[in-house]
PDB file of N, CA and C in Angstrom:
ATOM      1  N   MET A   1      17.550  -4.650 -16.678  1.00  0.00           N
ATOM      2  CA  MET A   1      16.516  -4.238 -16.855  1.00  0.00           C
ATOM      3  C   MET A   1      14.764  -3.457 -15.886  1.00  0.00           C
ATOM      4  N   TRP A   2      15.009  -4.277 -14.911  1.00  0.00           N
ATOM      5  CA  TRP A   2      14.046  -3.260 -13.975  1.00  0.00           C
ATOM      6  C   TRP A   2      14.357  -2.762 -12.862  1.00  0.00           C
ATOM      7  N   LEU A   3      16.040  -1.848 -13.045  1.00  0.00           N
ATOM      8  CA  LEU A   3      15.638  -1.203 -12.733  1.00  0.00           C
ATOM      9  C   LEU A   3      15.502   0.748 -13.722  1.00  0.00           C
ATOM     10  N   GLY A   4      15.700   0.383 -14.932  1.00  0.00           N
ATOM     11  CA  GLY A   4      15.113   1.045 -15.355  1.00  0.00           C
ATOM     12  C   GLY A   4      13.188   1.207 -14.902  1.00  0.00           C
ATOM     13  N   LEU A   5      12.718   0.897 -14.698  1.00  0.00           N
ATOM     14  CA  LEU A   5      11.879   0.362 -15.009  1.00  0.00           C
ATOM     15  C   LEU A   5      11.236   1.573 -12.885  1.00  0.00           C
ATOM     16  N   ALA A   6      12.019   1.058 -12.643  1.00  0.00           N
ATOM     17  CA  ALA A   6      11.986   1.451 -11.173  1.00  0.00           C
ATOM     18  C   ALA A   6      12.064   3.026 -11.393  1.00  0.00           C
ATOM     19  N   TYR A   7      13.391   3.468 -12.006  1.00  0.00           N
ATOM     20  CA  TYR A   7      13.082   4.840 -11.591  1.00  0.00           C
ATOM     21  C   TYR A   7      12.262   6.006 -12.205  1.00  0.00           C
ATOM     22  N   THR A   8      11.056   5.269 -13.288  1.00  0.00           N
ATOM     23  CA  THR A   8      10.408   5.808 -14.009  1.00  0.00           C
ATOM     24  C   THR A   8       8.233   5.923 -12.926  1.00  0.00           C
ATOM     25  N   ALA A   9       8.381   7.536 -12.230  1.00  0.00           N
ATOM     26  CA  ALA A   9       6.790   7.415 -11.968  1.00  0.00           C
ATOM     27  C   ALA A   9       5.702   5.922 -12.524  1.00  0.00           C
ATOM     28  N   ALA A  10       5.207   5.852 -13.097  1.00  0.00           N
ATOM     29  CA  ALA A  10       4.633   4.602 -13.034  1.00  0.00           C
ATOM     30  C   ALA A  10       5.302   3.054 -13.027  1.00  0.00           C
ATOM     31  N   GLY A  11       6.661   3.119 -12.720  1.00  0.00           N
ATOM     32  CA  GLY A  11       7.446   1.955 -12.425  1.00  0.00           C
ATOM     33  C   GLY A  11       7.790   2.168 -10.604  1.00  0.00           C
ATOM     34  N   LEU A  12       7.565   2.894 -10.154  1.00  0.00           N
ATOM     35  CA  LEU A  12       7.976   3.566  -8.756  1.00  0.00           C
ATOM     36  C   LEU A  12       7.037   2.817  -8.433  1.00  0.00           C
ATOM     37  N   LEU A  13       4.842   3.663  -8.851  1.00  0.00           N
ATOM     38  CA  LEU A  13       4.182   3.391  -7.838  1.00  0.00           C
ATOM     39  C   LEU A  13       3.671   1.790  -8.520  1.00  0.00           C
ATOM     40  N   ARG A  14       4.061   0.980  -9.240  1.00  0.00           N
ATOM     41  CA  ARG A  14       3.599  -0.072  -9.287  1.00  0.00           C
ATOM     42  C   ARG A  14       4.862  -1.098  -8.744  1.00  0.00           C
ATOM     43  N   TRP A  15       5.824  -0.831  -8.808  1.00  0.00           N
ATOM     44  CA  TRP A  15       7.061  -1.566  -7.451  1.00  0.00           C
ATOM     45  C   TRP A  15       6.379  -0.542  -5.261  1.00  0.00           C
ATOM     46  N   VAL A  16       5.711   0.111  -5.273  1.00  0.00           N
ATOM     47  CA  VAL A  16       4.633   0.362  -4.500  1.00  0.00           C
ATOM     48  C   VAL A  16       3.031  -0.268  -4.453  1.00  0.00           C
ATOM     49  N   GLY A  17       3.047  -0.582  -5.117  1.00  0.00           N
ATOM     50  CA  GLY A  17       1.971  -1.104  -5.185  1.00  0.00           C
ATOM     51  C   GLY A  17       2.392  -3.486  -5.270  1.00  0.00           C
ATOM     52  N   ILE A  18       3.024  -2.841  -5.540  1.00  0.00           N
ATOM     53  CA  ILE A  18       3.805  -4.954  -4.776  1.00  0.00           C
ATOM     54  C   ILE A  18       4.082  -4.887  -3.319  1.00  0.00           C
ATOM     55  N   ALA A  19       4.537  -3.315  -3.077  1.00  0.00           N
ATOM     56  CA  ALA A  19       4.907  -3.809  -1.896  1.00  0.00           C
ATOM     57  C   ALA A  19       3.886  -3.385  -0.562  1.00  0.00           C
ATOM     58  N   LEU A  20       2.703  -2.648  -0.990  1.00  0.00           N
ATOM     59  CA  LEU A  20       1.717  -2.944  -0.198  1.00  0.00           C
ATOM     60  C   LEU A  20       1.457  -4.383  -0.236  1.00  0.00           C
ATOM     61  N   MET A  21       1.446  -4.819  -1.556  1.00  0.00           N
ATOM     62  CA  MET A  21      -0.233  -5.839  -1.017  1.00  0.00           C
ATOM     63  C   MET A  21       1.311  -7.324  -0.508  1.00  0.00           C
ATOM     64  N   SER A  22       2.577  -6.993  -0.452  1.00  0.00           N
ATOM     65  CA  SER A  22       3.767  -7.766   0.610  1.00  0.00           C
ATOM     66  C   SER A  22       3.989  -7.595   1.938  1.00  0.00           C
ATOM     67  N   SER A  23       3.271  -6.445   1.827  1.00  0.00           N
ATOM     68  CA  SER A  23       4.297  -5.685   3.656  1.00  0.00           C
ATOM     69  C   SER A  23       2.660  -6.422   4.459  1.00  0.00           C
ATOM     70  N   THR A  24       2.026  -6.881   3.974  1.00  0.00           N
ATOM     71  CA  THR A  24       0.894  -7.734   5.197  1.00  0.00           C
ATOM     72  C   THR A  24       1.261  -8.797   6.069  1.00  0.00           C
ATOM     73  N   GLN A  25       1.444  -8.566   6.468  1.00  0.00           N
ATOM     74  CA  GLN A  25       1.781 -10.157   7.929  1.00  0.00           C
ATOM     75  C   GLN A  25       1.646  -9.687   9.161  1.00  0.00           C
ATOM     76  N   LEU A  26       0.299 -10.473   9.173  1.00  0.00           N
ATOM     77  CA  LEU A  26      -0.982 -10.711  10.379  1.00  0.00           C
ATOM     78  C   LEU A  26      -0.313 -11.788  10.902  1.00  0.00           C
ATOM     79  N   PRO A  27      -0.050 -12.533  10.188  1.00  0.00           N
ATOM     80  CA  PRO A  27       0.470 -14.162  10.896  1.00  0.00           C
ATOM     81  C   PRO A  27       2.059 -13.718  12.498  1.00  0.00           C
ATOM     82  N   LEU A  28       2.529 -13.006  10.896  1.00  0.00           N
ATOM     83  CA  LEU A  28       4.471 -13.463  11.957  1.00  0.00           C
ATOM     84  C   LEU A  28       4.287 -12.323  13.407  1.00  0.00           C
ATOM     85  N   VAL A  29       3.009 -10.886  13.404  1.00  0.00           N
ATOM     86  CA  VAL A  29       3.052 -11.015  14.366  1.00  0.00           C
ATOM     87  C   VAL A  29       2.064 -10.673  15.447  1.00  0.00           C
ATOM     88  N   LEU A  30       0.950 -11.661  14.677  1.00  0.00           N
ATOM     89  CA  LEU A  30       0.888 -12.081  16.488  1.00  0.00           C
ATOM     90  C   LEU A  30       1.547 -13.401  16.715  1.00  0.00           C
ATOM     91  N   ALA A  31       2.075 -14.147  16.008  1.00  0.00           N
ATOM     92  CA  ALA A  31       3.354 -14.723  16.808  1.00  0.00           C
ATOM     93  C   ALA A  31       4.156 -15.357  17.165  1.00  0.00           C
ATOM     94  N   ILE A  32       4.896 -13.489  16.725  1.00  0.00           N
ATOM     95  CA  ILE A  32       6.053 -12.769  17.762  1.00  0.00           C
ATOM     96  C   ILE A  32       5.146 -11.893  19.020  1.00  0.00           C
ATOM     97  N   THR A  33       4.053 -11.940  19.525  1.00  0.00           N
ATOM     98  CA  THR A  33       3.372 -11.279  20.518  1.00  0.00           C
ATOM     99  C   THR A  33       2.931 -12.317  21.565  1.00  0.00           C
ATOM    100  N   ALA A  34       2.297 -13.573  20.471  1.00  0.00           N
ATOM    101  CA  ALA A  34       2.189 -14.296  21.367  1.00  0.00           C
ATOM    102  C   ALA A  34       3.805 -14.538  22.054  1.00  0.00           C
ATOM    103  N   LEU A  35       4.338 -15.011  21.828  1.00  0.00           N
ATOM    104  CA  LEU A  35       5.735 -15.199  22.385  1.00  0.00           C
ATOM    105  C   LEU A  35       6.108 -14.913  22.885  1.00  0.00           C
ATOM    106  N   ALA A  36       6.243 -13.403  22.965  1.00  0.00           N
ATOM    107  CA  ALA A  36       6.722 -12.121  24.127  1.00  0.00           C
ATOM    108  C   ALA A  36       6.653 -12.407  25.353  1.00  0.00           C
ATOM    109  N   THR A  37       4.385 -12.164  24.844  1.00  0.00           N
ATOM    110  CA  THR A  37       4.152 -11.983  26.304  1.00  0.00           C
ATOM    111  C   THR A  37       3.983 -13.320  27.199  1.00  0.00           C
ATOM    112  N   SER A  38       3.919 -14.240  26.071  1.00  0.00           N
ATOM    113  CA  SER A  38       3.697 -15.269  26.842  1.00  0.00           C
ATOM    114  C   SER A  38       5.608 -15.431  28.132  1.00  0.00           C
ATOM    115  N   ALA A  39       6.336 -14.867  27.276  1.00  0.00           N
ATOM    116  CA  ALA A  39       8.193 -15.187  27.527  1.00  0.00           C
ATOM    117  C   ALA A  39       7.835 -13.805  29.228  1.00  0.00           C
ATOM    118  N   GLY A  40       7.077 -13.128  29.112  1.00  0.00           N
ATOM    119  CA  GLY A  40       7.113 -12.008  30.329  1.00  0.00           C
ATOM    120  C   GLY A  40       7.777 -10.314  29.802  1.00  0.00           C
ATOM    121  N   ARG A  41       8.412 -11.045  27.693  1.00  0.00           N
ATOM    122  CA  ARG A  41       9.287  -9.590  27.259  1.00  0.00           C
ATOM    123  C   ARG A  41       8.455  -8.425  27.248  1.00  0.00           C
ATOM    124  N   MET A  42       7.202  -8.175  27.504  1.00  0.00           N
ATOM    125  CA  MET A  42       5.833  -7.435  26.453  1.00  0.00           C
ATOM    126  C   MET A  42       5.310  -7.317  27.426  1.00  0.00           C
ATOM    127  N   SER A  43       4.091  -6.387  27.376  1.00  0.00           N
ATOM    128  CA  SER A  43       2.968  -5.880  27.605  1.00  0.00           C
ATOM    129  C   SER A  43       2.039  -6.243  26.321  1.00  0.00           C
ATOM    130  N   PRO A  44       0.744  -6.760  27.305  1.00  0.00           N
ATOM    131  CA  PRO A  44      -0.432  -7.265  27.140  1.00  0.00           C
ATOM    132  C   PRO A  44      -0.673  -5.562  26.075  1.00  0.00           C
ATOM    133  N   ALA A  45      -0.181  -4.047  26.072  1.00  0.00           N
ATOM    134  CA  ALA A  45      -1.142  -3.198  25.852  1.00  0.00           C
ATOM    135  C   ALA A  45      -0.109  -3.460  24.897  1.00  0.00           C
ATOM    136  N   ILE A  46       1.095  -3.442  24.830  1.00  0.00           N
ATOM    137  CA  ILE A  46       1.880  -3.201  23.603  1.00  0.00           C
ATOM    138  C   ILE A  46       1.653  -4.242  22.542  1.00  0.00           C
ATOM    139  N   ALA A  47       1.883  -5.858  23.136  1.00  0.00           N
ATOM    140  CA  ALA A  47       0.938  -6.732  21.602  1.00  0.00           C
ATOM    141  C   ALA A  47       0.232  -6.063  21.629  1.00  0.00           C
ATOM    142  N   ASP A  48      -1.432  -5.559  21.541  1.00  0.00           N
ATOM    143  CA  ASP A  48      -2.886  -5.575  21.402  1.00  0.00           C
ATOM    144  C   ASP A  48      -2.612  -4.427  20.329  1.00  0.00           C
ATOM    145  N   ASP A  49      -1.237  -3.362  20.883  1.00  0.00           N
ATOM    146  CA  ASP A  49      -1.336  -2.403  19.831  1.00  0.00           C
ATOM    147  C   ASP A  49      -0.342  -2.874  18.309  1.00  0.00           C
ATOM    148  N   LEU A  50       0.798  -3.710  18.901  1.00  0.00           N
ATOM    149  CA  LEU A  50       1.555  -4.011  17.355  1.00  0.00           C
ATOM    150  C   LEU A  50       0.011  -5.009  16.460  1.00  0.00           C
ATOM    151  N   VAL A  51      -0.194  -6.004  17.631  1.00  0.00           N
ATOM    152  CA  VAL A  51      -1.580  -7.078  16.823  1.00  0.00           C
ATOM    153  C   VAL A  51      -3.234  -5.804  15.972  1.00  0.00           C
ATOM    154  N   GLY A  52      -2.856  -4.770  16.563  1.00  0.00           N
ATOM    155  CA  GLY A  52      -3.856  -3.730  15.884  1.00  0.00           C
ATOM    156  C   GLY A  52      -3.813  -2.839  14.744  1.00  0.00           C
ATOM    157  N   GLY A  53      -2.145  -2.689  14.471  1.00  0.00           N
ATOM    158  CA  GLY A  53      -1.641  -1.956  13.898  1.00  0.00           C
ATOM    159  C   GLY A  53      -1.869  -3.494  12.385  1.00  0.00           C
ATOM    160  N   ALA A  54      -1.092  -4.321  12.680  1.00  0.00           N
ATOM    161  CA  ALA A  54      -1.330  -5.322  11.844  1.00  0.00           C
ATOM    162  C   ALA A  54      -2.263  -6.074  10.992  1.00  0.00           C
ATOM    163  N   VAL A  55      -3.879  -5.526  11.587  1.00  0.00           N
ATOM    164  CA  VAL A  55      -5.093  -5.509  11.072  1.00  0.00           C
ATOM    165  C   VAL A  55      -5.232  -4.703  10.058  1.00  0.00           C
ATOM    166  N   LEU A  56      -4.850  -3.436  11.345  1.00  0.00           N
ATOM    167  CA  LEU A  56      -5.101  -2.300   9.767  1.00  0.00           C
ATOM    168  C   LEU A  56      -4.545  -1.762   8.576  1.00  0.00           C
ATOM    169  N   SER A  57      -3.102  -3.016   8.178  1.00  0.00           N
ATOM    170  CA  SER A  57      -2.426  -2.582   7.425  1.00  0.00           C
ATOM    171  C   SER A  57      -2.859  -3.987   6.438  1.00  0.00           C
ATOM    172  N   LEU A  58      -3.796  -4.961   7.153  1.00  0.00           N
ATOM    173  CA  LEU A  58      -4.682  -6.225   6.486  1.00  0.00           C
ATOM    174  C   LEU A  58      -5.355  -5.660   6.181  1.00  0.00           C
ATOM    175  N   LEU A  59      -6.406  -4.668   6.495  1.00  0.00           N
ATOM    176  CA  LEU A  59      -7.627  -4.461   5.989  1.00  0.00           C
ATOM    177  C   LEU A  59      -6.787  -3.200   4.498  1.00  0.00           C
ATOM    178  N   ILE A  60      -6.026  -1.990   4.877  1.00  0.00           N
ATOM    179  CA  ILE A  60      -6.123  -1.243   3.857  1.00  0.00           C
ATOM    180  C   ILE A  60      -5.053  -1.464   2.485  1.00  0.00           C
ATOM    181  N   PHE A  61      -3.782  -1.873   2.738  1.00  0.00           N
ATOM    182  CA  PHE A  61      -2.338  -1.662   2.512  1.00  0.00           C
ATOM    183  C   PHE A  61      -3.491  -3.080   0.934  1.00  0.00           C
ATOM    184  N   PRO A  62      -3.801  -4.040   0.055  1.00  0.00           N
ATOM    185  CA  PRO A  62      -4.971  -4.838   0.110  1.00  0.00           C
ATOM    186  C   PRO A  62      -5.589  -3.687  -0.941  1.00  0.00           C
ATOM    187  N   ILE A  63      -6.581  -2.363  -0.297  1.00  0.00           N
ATOM    188  CA  ILE A  63      -6.974  -1.520  -1.201  1.00  0.00           C
ATOM    189  C   ILE A  63      -6.475  -0.727  -2.386  1.00  0.00           C
ATOM    190  N   LEU A  64      -5.356  -0.293  -1.365  1.00  0.00           N
ATOM    191  CA  LEU A  64      -3.597   0.766  -1.128  1.00  0.00           C
ATOM    192  C   LEU A  64      -3.642   0.441  -3.614  1.00  0.00           C
ATOM    193  N   ALA A  65      -3.232  -1.111  -2.893  1.00  0.00           N
ATOM    194  CA  ALA A  65      -2.265  -1.533  -4.073  1.00  0.00           C
ATOM    195  C   ALA A  65      -2.486  -2.058  -5.077  1.00  0.00           C
ATOM    196  N   PRO A  66      -4.188  -1.601  -5.510  1.00  0.00           N
ATOM    197  CA  PRO A  66      -4.434  -2.238  -6.802  1.00  0.00           C
ATOM    198  C   PRO A  66      -3.815  -0.035  -7.525  1.00  0.00           C
ATOM    199  N   ARG A  67      -5.280   0.540  -6.461  1.00  0.00           N
ATOM    200  CA  ARG A  67      -4.505   1.686  -6.444  1.00  0.00           C
ATOM    201  C   ARG A  67      -2.934   2.660  -6.958  1.00  0.00           C
ATOM    202  N   MET A  68      -2.604   1.271  -7.034  1.00  0.00           N
ATOM    203  CA  MET A  68      -0.853   2.638  -6.962  1.00  0.00           C
ATOM    204  C   MET A  68      -0.615   2.064  -8.461  1.00  0.00           C
ATOM    205  N   ARG A  69      -0.785   0.626  -8.519  1.00  0.00           N
ATOM    206  CA  ARG A  69      -0.871  -0.394 -10.137  1.00  0.00           C
ATOM    207  C   ARG A  69      -0.994   0.246 -10.840  1.00  0.00           C
ATOM    208  N   ARG A  70      -2.054   0.634 -10.894  1.00  0.00           N
ATOM    209  CA  ARG A  70      -2.828   1.256 -12.121  1.00  0.00           C
ATOM    210  C   ARG A  70      -2.035   1.788 -13.072  1.00  0.00           C
ATOM    211  N   PRO A  71      -2.443   2.340 -13.936  1.00  0.00           N
ATOM    212  CA  PRO A  71      -1.661   3.256 -15.041  1.00  0.00           C
ATOM    213  C   PRO A  71      -2.206   4.413 -15.599  1.00  0.00           C
ATOM    214  N   ARG A  72      -1.905   5.842 -14.818  1.00  0.00           N
ATOM    215  CA  ARG A  72      -2.952   7.073 -14.474  1.00  0.00           C
ATOM    216  C   ARG A  72      -2.227   7.708 -15.901  1.00  0.00           C
ATOM    217  N   PRO A  73      -3.605   8.322 -16.660  1.00  0.00           N
ATOM    218  CA  PRO A  73      -4.141   8.788 -17.763  1.00  0.00           C
ATOM    219  C   PRO A  73      -3.191  10.064 -17.673  1.00  0.00           C
ATOM    220  N   ASN A  74      -2.353   9.679 -18.888  1.00  0.00           N
ATOM    221  CA  ASN A  74      -1.222  11.225 -19.192  1.00  0.00           C
ATOM    222  C   ASN A  74      -1.959  12.458 -20.004  1.00  0.00           C
ATOM    223  N   PRO A  75      -2.502  13.513 -18.823  1.00  0.00           N
ATOM    224  CA  PRO A  75      -2.997  14.251 -19.010  1.00  0.00           C
ATOM    225  C   PRO A  75      -2.318  14.717 -20.159  1.00  0.00           C
ATOM    226  N   ALA A  76      -0.861  15.314 -20.630  1.00  0.00           N
ATOM    227  CA  ALA A  76      -0.234  15.484 -22.395  1.00  0.00           C
ATOM    228  C   ALA A  76      -1.400  14.987 -23.301  1.00  0.00           C
ATOM    229  N   THR A  77      -1.517  13.605 -23.552  1.00  0.00           N
ATOM    230  CA  THR A  77      -1.832  13.449 -24.685  1.00  0.00           C
ATOM    231  C   THR A  77      -3.709  13.097 -24.397  1.00  0.00           C
ATOM    232  N   SER A  78      -4.251  13.174 -23.620  1.00  0.00           N
ATOM    233  CA  SER A  78      -5.439  13.182 -23.055  1.00  0.00           C
ATOM    234  C   SER A  78      -6.505  13.733 -23.690  1.00  0.00           C
ATOM    235  N   THR A  79      -7.590  12.705 -24.127  1.00  0.00           N
ATOM    236  CA  THR A  79      -8.360  13.825 -25.611  1.00  0.00           C
ATOM    237  C   THR A  79     -10.065  14.220 -24.937  1.00  0.00           C
ATOM    238  N   SER A  80      -9.603  13.999 -23.077  1.00  0.00           N
ATOM    239  CA  SER A  80     -10.914  14.550 -22.739  1.00  0.00           C
ATOM    240  C   SER A  80     -11.272  15.784 -23.068  1.00  0.00           C
ATOM    241  N   LEU A  81     -12.479  16.546 -23.066  1.00  0.00           N
ATOM    242  CA  LEU A  81     -12.000  17.756 -23.060  1.00  0.00           C
ATOM    243  C   LEU A  81     -12.543  19.369 -21.707  1.00  0.00           C
ATOM    244  N   SER A  82     -11.926  20.074 -22.211  1.00  0.00           N
ATOM    245  CA  SER A  82     -11.620  21.090 -20.858  1.00  0.00           C
ATOM    246  C   SER A  82     -13.397  21.524 -20.304  1.00  0.00           C
ATOM    247  N   MET A  83     -13.319  21.914 -19.324  1.00  0.00           N
ATOM    248  CA  MET A  83     -14.924  22.434 -18.990  1.00  0.00           C
ATOM    249  C   MET A  83     -14.990  23.393 -19.978  1.00  0.00           C
ATOM    250  N   ARG A  84     -14.402  24.620 -20.185  1.00  0.00           N
ATOM    251  CA  ARG A  84     -14.212  25.732 -20.914  1.00  0.00           C
ATOM    252  C   ARG A  84     -14.117  25.494 -22.458  1.00  0.00           C
ATOM    253  N   GLU A  85     -14.009  24.358 -22.998  1.00  0.00           N
ATOM    254  CA  GLU A  85     -13.680  23.189 -24.442  1.00  0.00           C
ATOM    255  C   GLU A  85     -16.139  23.394 -24.697  1.00  0.00           C
ATOM    256  N   LEU A  86     -16.334  22.331 -23.490  1.00  0.00           N
ATOM    257  CA  LEU A  86     -17.587  22.085 -23.216  1.00  0.00           C
ATOM    258  C   LEU A  86     -18.804  23.578 -23.463  1.00  0.00           C
ATOM    259  N   SER A  87     -18.046  24.584 -22.576  1.00  0.00           N
ATOM    260  CA  SER A  87     -18.954  25.756 -22.249  1.00  0.00           C
ATOM    261  C   SER A  87     -19.146  26.121 -23.493  1.00  0.00           C
ATOM    262  N   ALA A  88     -17.882  26.364 -24.894  1.00  0.00           N
ATOM    263  CA  ALA A  88     -17.908  26.585 -26.103  1.00  0.00           C
ATOM    264  C   ALA A  88     -18.458  25.828 -26.997  1.00  0.00           C
ATOM    265  N   ALA A  89     -18.945  24.994 -27.321  1.00  0.00           N
ATOM    266  CA  ALA A  89     -19.306  23.627 -27.525  1.00  0.00           C
ATOM    267  C   ALA A  89     -20.673  24.325 -27.882  1.00  0.00           C
TER     268      ALA A  89
END
């Protein structure tokens, strides 16, 4: 049943929202970069870049996720008046 939901536009946006909420991995990135730099396998500049990207994802993804999960109004069933209808009234 959930596969049918994933193939509709609303279902796809819902899954994208869920993916955005679960994709913030700052603690994991911090642990991996700390281990790699202490072992000499990663330069501190690369580690800084990875941590910076993880911080950005931590800030941006939770803001975007609810917008993806919110149902969008269907323009075909919308009852709002167009600008032309408002000016004629």
